[in-house]
Amino acid sequence: MCFNASLVTKAQIIEDLFQRDFPDAQFDLPQYYVSAFQHPSWPIIKQSLTQTIDLLAWGLIPHWVGTPEKAYEMRKYTINARWETLDTKPSFKKLVQKKRCVMLMDGYVEWQHSGQKKIPYRISLNDHTPFALGGLWDENHRLKQETFTVVTQPAEGIVREIHNTKQRMPLFLSPEMISDWLNPMVDFFDLNWGAHPMVSRLKATPIDSTLFQKGQNPNSAQVLGL
């Protein structure tokens, strides 16, 4: 699963890595811990011909939703989208060919269950550089909103050890996979990558669980666990 995100890397490094201008005038860096359930605007690269990083709200609202009330109810369930059912779910099946996107981040928090305890870990790359997650986006003209969801798949490697209940992880994309994911000429049904190249680059850093107690604000440098 992926229900939160951090992005603490400097804008220039993000721009150099993804070869696009970062909207730093509209997005405040650093962001240490942001919950998806707040439906934040987050840096996204759309599947399009433009070389931009856009800010879209997390929690997909399908284009056919007609009221704010329906949108509010739906998007609690469209923060993530399971890879296995992307091409069959009504909210996603029309998006898999022409409305893929990638979400930019440099870490997120996942919880490991140990008996009655939940232990938080920060999942990141070994070198702490930003990475991309596969997603889908949509535009709702009636509600004038562009939104996205993060694709998830069965957990592998260190994430499987940490997320040891539901055993899911986001779709981590290598540079080569990003190119295919964003290429509108690449058919969704041809995206069969086999062994996951990014898993071996992931690390899990334990975090002080008191940061997530009631009254605390986890959006602080302490959540990096460094």
Foldseek 3Di string as FASTA:
>chain_A
DFFKFWAADDQVLVCVVLVEHDPCVVDPHGFQIDGLLVQFFAWKFWLDPDRYTGTATQFADAQPDADPVVSNVRSVPQQEDEPVCQCPDPRRNVFQQHFKMKTKGAWGWFWADDPPDTWIWIKGFPVSGIFIFIKGWHAHPNVGHIYIHFYKYAADDPQCRGNVPPRIDTHTADPVRNVLSSHSVRGSVVPDDPDRPRRVRMDIATADPVCPDPPHPVRDPRSVND
